[in-house]
């Protein structure tokens, strides 16, 4: 077989285009052939760090980095200056802030679930509405505004289609415990009730029962958040359900129709363990690799019946599954830390946690938990292995204070609210670089 002649290479009169072509080809080959780090910004569903429990290790405390700049404002915010308890905050799309809490009617027996409103970023609050009142046991109010309605439709000529009414105000949901009592004050029926407001929290109407059951063993402490599963938006309602006197689990029900109907409850924490898990709070933040993560904090009795400490558990799939349970805060032996709540700050990476604790009581003081507690706060973030790195706690409210809530504000700050001396108070928490020295 004859050898084929080499192809004849003809150089152009102007060699620069060919040289440019050869150099470009070589450069691209080197770039794409060179091994490099693949920085992938992924949805949380595809991120699965070590999911083993971290209950045998102490919480990671980076006190030098995290507490050096944590600032608690000296000025108090008075949300409600008459007897009240269990405050929770909710930001509306118009920028105003609602504060929900429990107070009492003049007869001293009827519980009132009240709403106050702030239009100056929580500097002041004014009475605004009332969700419900009952001679029974109604408490643990939690507020959530649903997403705004879809924008108006347009005609072919570009004009907005006429509607019979003004665009509706986004609905605000209120979830709370709502229990029937007999003549002796013993519970006979337990409910988590949901009401709705269509005028920004001023007036309210009944919407649904998220879950209910007969006595014994109660339902407590609902927490509402917006989530998404399978591309469908949903309302997630977490609550505590007693299984026995020493056994309480965290449950969740879901709604895809704005709270009108709810799924059957499913267990989030506590299955197979005789612990009193409760008082959950949930915040969505980013882990170090930019994956979206839900952080749930809760009180528990892992150290023994009647003694509370704080733990956390994570979800990397929007609340479908929770894994990697870990210790958040353990006070000294015989002392308690409980009722935690959590907020994700506006940088997307930092979380602030508030809780109540009796760890500073003098030795020998015989005050039953939760009496005599202080409110404390700490902040930190998630490492890429899913562990919370937290600073040492600082005092937010002196004894006796209880039942704190928290909400992120502008900048990298948050407002902690709590009951103190029977009134609802608040203090601003600011992370490093967010306040003047």
Protein backbone atom coordinates (compact mmCIF):
# COMPACT_ATOMS: atom_id res chain seq x y z
CA UNK A 1 0.00 0.00 0.00
CA UNK A 2 1.65 3.22 -1.07
CA UNK A 3 2.35 5.88 1.54
CA UNK A 4 0.16 8.89 1.29
CA UNK A 5 2.00 12.13 0.83
CA UNK A 6 2.06 14.59 3.77
CA UNK A 7 -0.41 17.35 3.26
CA UNK A 8 1.13 20.49 2.02
CA UNK A 9 0.99 23.34 4.53
CA UNK A 10 0.54 26.70 2.95
CA UNK A 11 1.37 29.66 5.19
CA UNK A 12 -0.62 32.76 4.51
CA UNK A 13 1.08 35.93 3.56
CA UNK A 14 0.00 37.42 6.93
CA UNK A 15 0.89 34.82 9.59
CA UNK A 16 -0.64 36.62 12.61
CA UNK A 17 -4.21 35.19 12.34
CA UNK A 18 -2.85 31.64 12.26
CA UNK A 19 -0.52 32.28 15.19
CA UNK A 20 -3.44 33.76 17.15
CA UNK A 21 -5.51 30.68 16.39
CA UNK A 22 -2.77 28.26 17.51
CA UNK A 23 -2.06 30.15 20.72
CA UNK A 24 -5.76 30.35 21.59
CA UNK A 25 -6.21 26.61 21.00
CA UNK A 26 -3.24 25.74 23.18
CA UNK A 27 -4.42 28.07 25.98
CA UNK A 28 -7.93 26.63 26.03
CA UNK A 29 -6.54 23.10 26.08
CA UNK A 30 -4.38 23.91 29.09
CA UNK A 31 -7.25 25.63 30.94
CA UNK A 32 -9.80 22.87 30.48
CA UNK A 33 -7.35 20.02 30.99
CA UNK A 34 -5.99 21.44 34.26
CA UNK A 35 -7.57 19.94 37.37
CA UNK A 36 -9.53 22.54 39.37
CA UNK A 37 -11.89 22.82 42.27
CA UNK A 38 -15.53 22.56 41.29
CA UNK A 39 -17.35 25.15 43.42
CA UNK A 40 -20.96 24.08 43.12
CA UNK A 41 -23.71 26.16 44.70
CA UNK A 42 -26.30 23.51 45.31
CA UNK A 43 -29.79 23.35 46.69
CA UNK A 44 -29.92 21.92 50.19
CA UNK A 45 -31.58 18.73 48.98
CA UNK A 46 -28.35 17.66 47.32
CA UNK A 47 -26.11 18.45 50.30
CA UNK A 48 -25.66 15.74 52.91
CA UNK A 49 -22.87 16.22 55.43
CA UNK A 50 -22.23 13.80 58.26
CA UNK A 51 -25.70 12.98 59.57
CA UNK A 52 -24.61 11.11 62.66
CA UNK A 53 -25.72 12.40 66.04
CA UNK A 54 -23.39 14.75 67.90
CA UNK A 55 -24.95 14.32 71.33
CA UNK A 56 -21.80 12.96 72.95
CA UNK A 57 -19.73 16.03 72.12
CA UNK A 58 -19.95 19.42 73.76
CA UNK A 59 -21.28 22.32 71.67
CA UNK A 60 -18.60 24.15 69.76
CA UNK A 61 -17.95 27.48 71.49
CA UNK A 62 -15.76 30.06 69.79
CA UNK A 63 -15.96 32.68 72.54
CA UNK A 64 -13.08 34.86 71.33
CA UNK A 65 -14.59 35.35 67.88
CA UNK A 66 -18.28 35.35 68.69
CA UNK A 67 -18.85 37.03 72.04
CA UNK A 68 -16.36 39.84 71.72
CA UNK A 69 -18.74 41.84 69.54
CA UNK A 70 -22.18 40.61 70.65
CA UNK A 71 -23.94 43.70 71.94
CA UNK A 72 -27.16 43.87 73.92
CA UNK A 73 -28.74 47.32 73.84
CA UNK A 74 -29.34 48.90 77.24
CA UNK A 75 -32.58 50.54 76.17
CA UNK A 76 -35.64 48.33 76.59
CA UNK A 77 -38.51 48.14 74.13
CA UNK A 78 -41.84 48.00 75.94
CA UNK A 79 -44.12 45.97 73.73
CA UNK A 80 -46.92 45.74 76.26
CA UNK A 81 -46.80 47.32 79.75
CA UNK A 82 -49.74 45.51 81.36
CA UNK A 83 -49.63 41.83 82.42
CA UNK A 84 -48.81 39.61 79.46
CA UNK A 85 -46.71 36.61 78.50
CA UNK A 86 -45.34 34.48 75.65
CA UNK A 87 -44.54 37.14 73.01
CA UNK A 88 -43.84 36.33 69.36
CA UNK A 89 -43.03 38.73 66.48
CA UNK A 90 -44.08 38.74 62.83
CA UNK A 91 -42.89 41.06 60.03
CA UNK A 92 -45.53 41.99 57.44
CA UNK A 93 -44.91 42.80 53.78
CA UNK A 94 -45.81 46.46 54.38
CA UNK A 95 -42.84 46.72 56.77
CA UNK A 96 -44.85 46.84 59.98
CA UNK A 97 -44.29 44.35 62.81
CA UNK A 98 -46.95 42.49 64.74
CA UNK A 99 -46.38 41.26 68.29
CA UNK A 100 -48.66 38.48 69.49
CA UNK A 101 -48.92 37.59 73.18
CA UNK A 102 -51.27 36.38 75.91
CA UNK A 103 -52.86 38.76 78.38
CA UNK A 104 -55.88 38.65 80.68
CA UNK A 105 -59.28 40.34 80.69
CA UNK A 106 -60.23 42.55 83.68
CA UNK A 107 -61.99 39.59 85.34
CA UNK A 108 -58.57 37.96 85.76
CA UNK A 109 -59.89 34.64 84.43
CA UNK A 110 -60.40 35.10 80.69
CA UNK A 111 -57.29 34.73 78.57
CA UNK A 112 -56.93 37.12 75.65
CA UNK A 113 -54.66 36.53 72.64
CA UNK A 114 -53.72 40.10 71.78
CA UNK A 115 -51.83 41.74 68.89
CA UNK A 116 -49.82 44.96 69.02
CA UNK A 117 -48.35 46.72 65.97
CA UNK A 118 -45.19 48.71 65.30
CA UNK A 119 -44.61 50.96 62.29
CA UNK A 120 -41.14 52.20 63.39
CA UNK A 121 -39.14 48.95 63.23
CA UNK A 122 -40.11 47.78 66.73
CA UNK A 123 -39.18 51.00 68.56
CA UNK A 124 -42.76 51.42 69.77
CA UNK A 125 -45.91 49.29 69.69
CA UNK A 126 -49.58 50.19 69.86
CA UNK A 127 -52.61 47.92 70.57
CA UNK A 128 -53.90 46.62 67.27
CA UNK A 129 -56.15 43.57 67.43
CA UNK A 130 -57.41 40.52 69.28
CA UNK A 131 -57.25 36.99 67.89
CA UNK A 132 -59.41 35.21 70.46
CA UNK A 133 -60.39 35.06 74.12
CA UNK A 134 -61.44 32.12 76.23
CA UNK A 135 -62.16 31.11 79.83
CA UNK A 136 -60.35 27.89 78.94
CA UNK A 137 -56.65 27.42 78.25
CA UNK A 138 -55.68 29.43 75.17
CA UNK A 139 -52.05 30.50 74.88
CA UNK A 140 -48.84 30.06 72.80
CA UNK A 141 -49.90 32.47 70.03
CA UNK A 142 -47.74 32.42 66.88
CA UNK A 143 -48.25 34.67 63.82
CA UNK A 144 -47.26 34.19 60.17
CA UNK A 145 -48.12 36.20 57.06
CA UNK A 146 -48.75 34.23 53.88
CA UNK A 147 -47.18 35.28 50.56
CA UNK A 148 -48.85 38.20 48.77
CA UNK A 149 -51.56 37.34 46.23
CA UNK A 150 -50.59 37.16 42.55
CA UNK A 151 -50.22 40.47 40.68
CA UNK A 152 -53.22 41.84 38.75
CA UNK A 153 -53.93 40.54 35.28
CA UNK A 154 -53.48 42.75 32.22
CA UNK A 155 -55.65 43.22 29.15
CA UNK A 156 -54.26 42.93 25.62
CA UNK A 157 -53.96 46.72 25.39
CA UNK A 158 -51.76 46.75 28.48
CA UNK A 159 -54.37 48.08 30.88
CA UNK A 160 -55.01 46.40 34.23
CA UNK A 161 -58.14 44.31 34.22
CA UNK A 162 -60.88 45.76 36.41
CA UNK A 163 -61.69 43.94 39.63
CA UNK A 164 -64.71 44.20 41.87
CA UNK A 165 -62.63 44.96 44.96
CA UNK A 166 -59.25 46.37 45.86
CA UNK A 167 -56.32 43.93 45.79
CA UNK A 168 -56.54 41.75 48.92
CA UNK A 169 -54.13 42.24 51.78
CA UNK A 170 -51.96 39.13 52.35
CA UNK A 171 -53.52 36.84 54.94
CA UNK A 172 -51.96 36.58 58.40
CA UNK A 173 -52.34 33.25 60.19
CA UNK A 174 -52.47 32.82 63.96
CA UNK A 175 -51.89 29.40 65.53
CA UNK A 176 -52.37 28.76 69.24
CA UNK A 177 -53.23 26.14 71.81
CA UNK A 178 -56.94 26.10 72.60
CA UNK A 179 -57.96 23.61 75.28
CA UNK A 180 -61.30 22.92 76.98
CA UNK A 181 -61.36 22.67 80.78
CA UNK A 182 -63.90 21.12 83.13
CA UNK A 183 -65.29 22.83 86.24
CA UNK A 184 -62.21 21.83 88.21
CA UNK A 185 -59.84 23.25 85.60
CA UNK A 186 -58.75 19.89 84.22
CA UNK A 187 -58.26 19.64 80.42
CA UNK A 188 -60.88 17.62 78.55
CA UNK A 189 -59.99 18.40 74.91
CA UNK A 190 -56.78 19.63 73.29
CA UNK A 191 -56.52 21.66 70.06
CA UNK A 192 -54.08 23.60 67.94
CA UNK A 193 -56.41 26.21 66.41
CA UNK A 194 -55.69 28.42 63.40
CA UNK A 195 -57.36 31.80 62.76
CA UNK A 196 -56.86 34.26 59.92
CA UNK A 197 -56.77 38.02 59.43
CA UNK A 198 -57.36 39.76 56.11
CA UNK A 199 -56.71 43.30 57.33
CA UNK A 200 -53.16 43.11 58.68
CA UNK A 201 -53.93 41.65 62.09
CA UNK A 202 -56.72 43.97 63.24
CA UNK A 203 -59.68 41.58 63.00
CA UNK A 204 -59.67 37.78 63.04
CA UNK A 205 -61.87 34.84 62.14
CA UNK A 206 -61.69 31.09 62.71
CA UNK A 207 -60.02 29.11 59.90
CA UNK A 208 -59.31 25.52 60.99
CA UNK A 209 -58.21 23.07 63.64
CA UNK A 210 -54.71 21.99 62.66
CA UNK A 211 -54.93 19.07 65.07
CA UNK A 212 -57.08 18.10 68.04
CA UNK A 213 -57.51 15.18 70.40
CA UNK A 214 -59.23 14.26 73.66
CA UNK A 215 -57.46 14.24 77.01
CA UNK A 216 -55.15 13.00 78.42
CA UNK A 217 -51.80 14.29 77.17
CA UNK A 218 -51.73 17.70 75.60
CA UNK A 219 -50.71 19.74 72.55
CA UNK A 220 -48.53 22.81 72.97
CA UNK A 221 -46.37 25.56 71.47
CA UNK A 222 -47.20 25.83 67.74
CA UNK A 223 -44.57 27.29 65.40
CA UNK A 224 -45.47 28.39 61.85
CA UNK A 225 -43.20 28.80 58.85
CA UNK A 226 -43.43 28.86 55.05
CA UNK A 227 -41.75 26.01 53.21
CA UNK A 228 -41.61 24.30 49.87
CA UNK A 229 -41.71 20.60 49.00
CA UNK A 230 -41.54 19.26 45.47
CA UNK A 231 -41.91 22.76 44.06
CA UNK A 232 -45.15 23.36 45.99
CA UNK A 233 -45.36 26.07 48.65
CA UNK A 234 -46.75 24.94 51.98
CA UNK A 235 -47.34 26.14 55.53
CA UNK A 236 -45.50 24.01 58.07
CA UNK A 237 -46.91 23.96 61.61
CA UNK A 238 -44.69 22.37 64.26
CA UNK A 239 -46.04 21.65 67.75
CA UNK A 240 -45.34 19.57 70.85
CA UNK A 241 -47.47 16.52 71.61
CA UNK A 242 -47.35 14.68 74.91
CA UNK A 243 -47.19 10.91 74.62
CA UNK A 244 -46.89 10.34 78.38
CA UNK A 245 -46.02 12.34 81.46
CA UNK A 246 -42.29 11.96 80.70
CA UNK A 247 -42.49 11.68 76.91
CA UNK A 248 -43.20 14.52 74.46
CA UNK A 249 -42.47 14.59 70.73
CA UNK A 250 -42.18 17.33 68.12
CA UNK A 251 -44.82 16.92 65.40
CA UNK A 252 -45.50 18.70 62.11
CA UNK A 253 -48.64 19.17 60.01
CA UNK A 254 -48.62 20.76 56.56
CA UNK A 255 -51.07 22.82 54.53
CA UNK A 256 -50.99 23.66 50.83
CA UNK A 257 -54.20 25.72 50.85
CA UNK A 258 -53.25 28.54 53.20
CA UNK A 259 -54.16 26.78 56.43
CA UNK A 260 -57.69 25.69 55.57
CA UNK A 261 -56.84 21.97 55.70
CA UNK A 262 -53.91 20.10 57.21
CA UNK A 263 -52.10 16.82 56.76
CA UNK A 264 -51.96 14.15 59.44
CA UNK A 265 -49.20 14.76 62.00
CA UNK A 266 -45.78 13.24 61.46
CA UNK A 267 -43.06 12.92 64.08
CA UNK A 268 -39.97 15.15 63.79
CA UNK A 269 -38.17 14.50 67.08
CA UNK A 270 -38.57 12.12 70.00
CA UNK A 271 -39.58 8.91 68.28
CA UNK A 272 -38.23 5.98 70.29
CA UNK A 273 -36.92 8.18 73.14
CA UNK A 274 -38.60 9.00 76.44
CA UNK A 275 -37.70 12.69 76.43
CA UNK A 276 -39.78 15.83 76.79
CA UNK A 277 -38.84 17.59 73.55
CA UNK A 278 -40.60 20.90 73.11
CA UNK A 279 -40.63 24.67 72.59
CA UNK A 280 -39.23 24.40 69.07
CA UNK A 281 -38.04 27.28 66.92
CA UNK A 282 -36.90 26.99 63.30
CA UNK A 283 -34.75 29.25 61.13
CA UNK A 284 -33.41 28.86 57.59
CA UNK A 285 -29.76 29.73 57.15
CA UNK A 286 -26.81 28.86 54.94
CA UNK A 287 -24.14 26.35 55.78
CA UNK A 288 -20.53 27.17 54.92
CA UNK A 289 -20.88 25.66 51.43
CA UNK A 290 -23.88 27.88 50.62
CA UNK A 291 -26.45 25.11 51.01
CA UNK A 292 -29.81 26.10 52.51
CA UNK A 293 -30.39 24.50 55.91
CA UNK A 294 -33.19 24.50 58.46
CA UNK A 295 -31.98 24.69 62.05
CA UNK A 296 -34.51 23.59 64.67
CA UNK A 297 -33.76 24.34 68.32
CA UNK A 298 -35.67 22.71 71.16
CA UNK A 299 -35.60 22.03 74.87
CA UNK A 300 -35.23 18.44 76.03
CA UNK A 301 -34.77 16.32 79.17
CA UNK A 302 -31.85 14.21 77.96
CA UNK A 303 -29.92 14.86 81.18
CA UNK A 304 -32.74 13.49 83.32
CA UNK A 305 -36.46 13.94 84.05
CA UNK A 306 -37.37 17.50 84.89
CA UNK A 307 -33.96 18.93 83.96
CA UNK A 308 -33.85 20.84 80.68
CA UNK A 309 -31.08 21.57 78.20
CA UNK A 310 -31.09 22.78 74.59
CA UNK A 311 -30.38 20.78 71.46
CA UNK A 312 -30.66 21.36 67.71
CA UNK A 313 -31.45 19.24 64.69
CA UNK A 314 -30.98 20.06 60.99
CA UNK A 315 -32.88 19.58 57.76
CA UNK A 316 -31.17 19.71 54.37
CA UNK A 317 -34.35 19.12 52.34
CA UNK A 318 -36.71 21.87 53.43
CA UNK A 319 -38.15 20.04 56.43
CA UNK A 320 -38.84 16.67 54.86
CA UNK A 321 -36.24 15.02 57.11
CA UNK A 322 -34.35 16.19 60.19
CA UNK A 323 -30.95 14.73 61.06
CA UNK A 324 -27.71 15.43 62.94
CA UNK A 325 -29.12 16.16 66.39
CA UNK A 326 -26.59 17.98 68.54
CA UNK A 327 -26.11 19.74 71.86
CA UNK A 328 -26.58 23.51 71.81
CA UNK A 329 -26.36 24.45 75.50
CA UNK A 330 -26.05 22.54 78.77
CA UNK A 331 -25.99 24.50 82.03
CA UNK A 332 -24.37 23.21 85.20
CA UNK A 333 -25.69 20.02 86.75
CA UNK A 334 -29.04 20.59 88.41
CA UNK A 335 -29.71 23.79 86.45
CA UNK A 336 -31.96 24.29 83.44
CA UNK A 337 -31.90 25.94 80.03
CA UNK A 338 -35.04 25.87 77.91
CA UNK A 339 -37.66 27.64 75.79
CA UNK A 340 -35.21 28.41 72.94
CA UNK A 341 -36.06 30.40 69.83
CA UNK A 342 -33.86 31.11 66.82
CA UNK A 343 -33.63 33.74 64.07
CA UNK A 344 -31.47 33.88 60.94
CA UNK A 345 -29.85 37.28 60.57
CA UNK A 346 -29.81 39.19 57.31
CA UNK A 347 -26.32 38.12 56.27
CA UNK A 348 -27.77 34.67 55.60
CA UNK A 349 -25.08 32.89 57.61
CA UNK A 350 -25.49 34.00 61.23
CA UNK A 351 -28.13 32.77 63.64
CA UNK A 352 -29.13 34.24 67.00
CA UNK A 353 -30.59 32.01 69.72
CA UNK A 354 -32.43 33.20 72.82
CA UNK A 355 -33.44 31.02 75.75
CA UNK A 356 -34.23 31.12 79.46
CA UNK A 357 -32.03 29.64 82.18
CA UNK A 358 -31.79 29.44 85.97
CA UNK A 359 -28.05 28.71 85.92
CA UNK A 360 -27.16 31.99 87.68
CA UNK A 361 -29.27 31.33 90.77
CA UNK A 362 -27.35 31.30 94.03
CA UNK A 363 -26.42 27.94 95.48
CA UNK A 364 -29.21 26.64 97.67
CA UNK A 365 -31.97 28.78 96.19
CA UNK A 366 -35.05 26.57 96.06
CA UNK A 367 -37.03 28.05 93.19
CA UNK A 368 -38.91 25.67 90.94
CA UNK A 369 -38.10 25.87 87.24
CA UNK A 370 -38.90 28.01 85.33
CA UNK A 371 -39.28 30.61 88.09
CA UNK A 372 -36.30 32.85 88.67
CA UNK A 373 -34.92 32.43 85.15
CA UNK A 374 -32.97 34.97 83.11
CA UNK A 375 -33.08 35.44 79.35
CA UNK A 376 -29.78 34.89 77.55
CA UNK A 377 -28.69 35.05 73.92
CA UNK A 378 -25.87 33.65 71.85
CA UNK A 379 -25.10 33.72 68.18
CA UNK A 380 -23.01 31.83 65.67
CA UNK A 381 -23.19 29.86 62.44
CA UNK A 382 -23.06 26.40 60.94
CA UNK A 383 -19.75 24.82 59.98
CA UNK A 384 -19.63 22.89 56.74
CA UNK A 385 -19.86 19.63 58.71
CA UNK A 386 -23.22 20.77 60.11
CA UNK A 387 -22.10 21.64 63.65
CA UNK A 388 -23.25 24.89 65.22
CA UNK A 389 -20.39 27.14 66.31
CA UNK A 390 -21.73 29.41 69.04
CA UNK A 391 -20.44 32.13 71.30
CA UNK A 392 -20.92 32.09 75.06
CA UNK A 393 -24.34 33.41 76.15
CA UNK A 394 -24.89 36.97 77.38
CA UNK A 395 -27.71 38.20 79.57
CA UNK A 396 -30.62 39.88 77.80
CA UNK A 397 -33.23 39.96 80.57
CA UNK A 398 -32.59 39.74 84.31
CA UNK A 399 -34.47 37.47 86.70
CA UNK A 400 -37.34 36.83 86.65
CA UNK A 401 -37.89 36.70 82.88
CA UNK A 402 -39.37 34.01 80.66
CA UNK A 403 -40.72 32.72 77.34
CA UNK A 404 -38.52 34.64 74.86
CA UNK A 405 -39.14 35.17 71.16
CA UNK A 406 -36.82 36.63 68.54
CA UNK A 407 -36.98 38.19 65.07
CA UNK A 408 -34.29 39.54 62.72
CA UNK A 409 -34.31 43.27 62.05
CA UNK A 410 -32.42 45.44 59.56
CA UNK A 411 -28.66 45.14 59.29
CA UNK A 412 -27.33 42.17 61.22
CA UNK A 413 -29.45 42.72 64.33
CA UNK A 414 -32.37 41.01 66.01
CA UNK A 415 -34.99 41.91 68.58
CA UNK A 416 -35.46 39.56 71.54
CA UNK A 417 -38.80 39.86 73.33
CA UNK A 418 -39.76 38.26 76.63
CA UNK A 419 -41.94 38.51 79.71
CA UNK A 420 -40.35 40.36 82.62
CA UNK A 421 -42.17 41.55 85.74
CA UNK A 422 -45.40 40.53 83.99
CA UNK A 423 -44.90 42.96 81.08
CA UNK A 424 -43.66 42.28 77.54
CA UNK A 425 -40.23 43.79 76.97
CA UNK A 426 -37.55 43.60 74.31
CA UNK A 427 -33.89 44.28 73.73
CA UNK A 428 -31.95 44.77 70.53
CA UNK A 429 -29.13 42.29 69.81
CA UNK A 430 -26.37 43.41 67.47
CA UNK A 431 -23.55 41.30 66.04
CA UNK A 432 -19.96 42.54 65.52
CA UNK A 433 -19.56 45.63 63.38
CA UNK A 434 -23.23 46.51 63.68
CA UNK A 435 -23.01 48.95 66.58
CA UNK A 436 -20.90 51.83 67.78
CA UNK A 437 -18.44 51.15 70.58
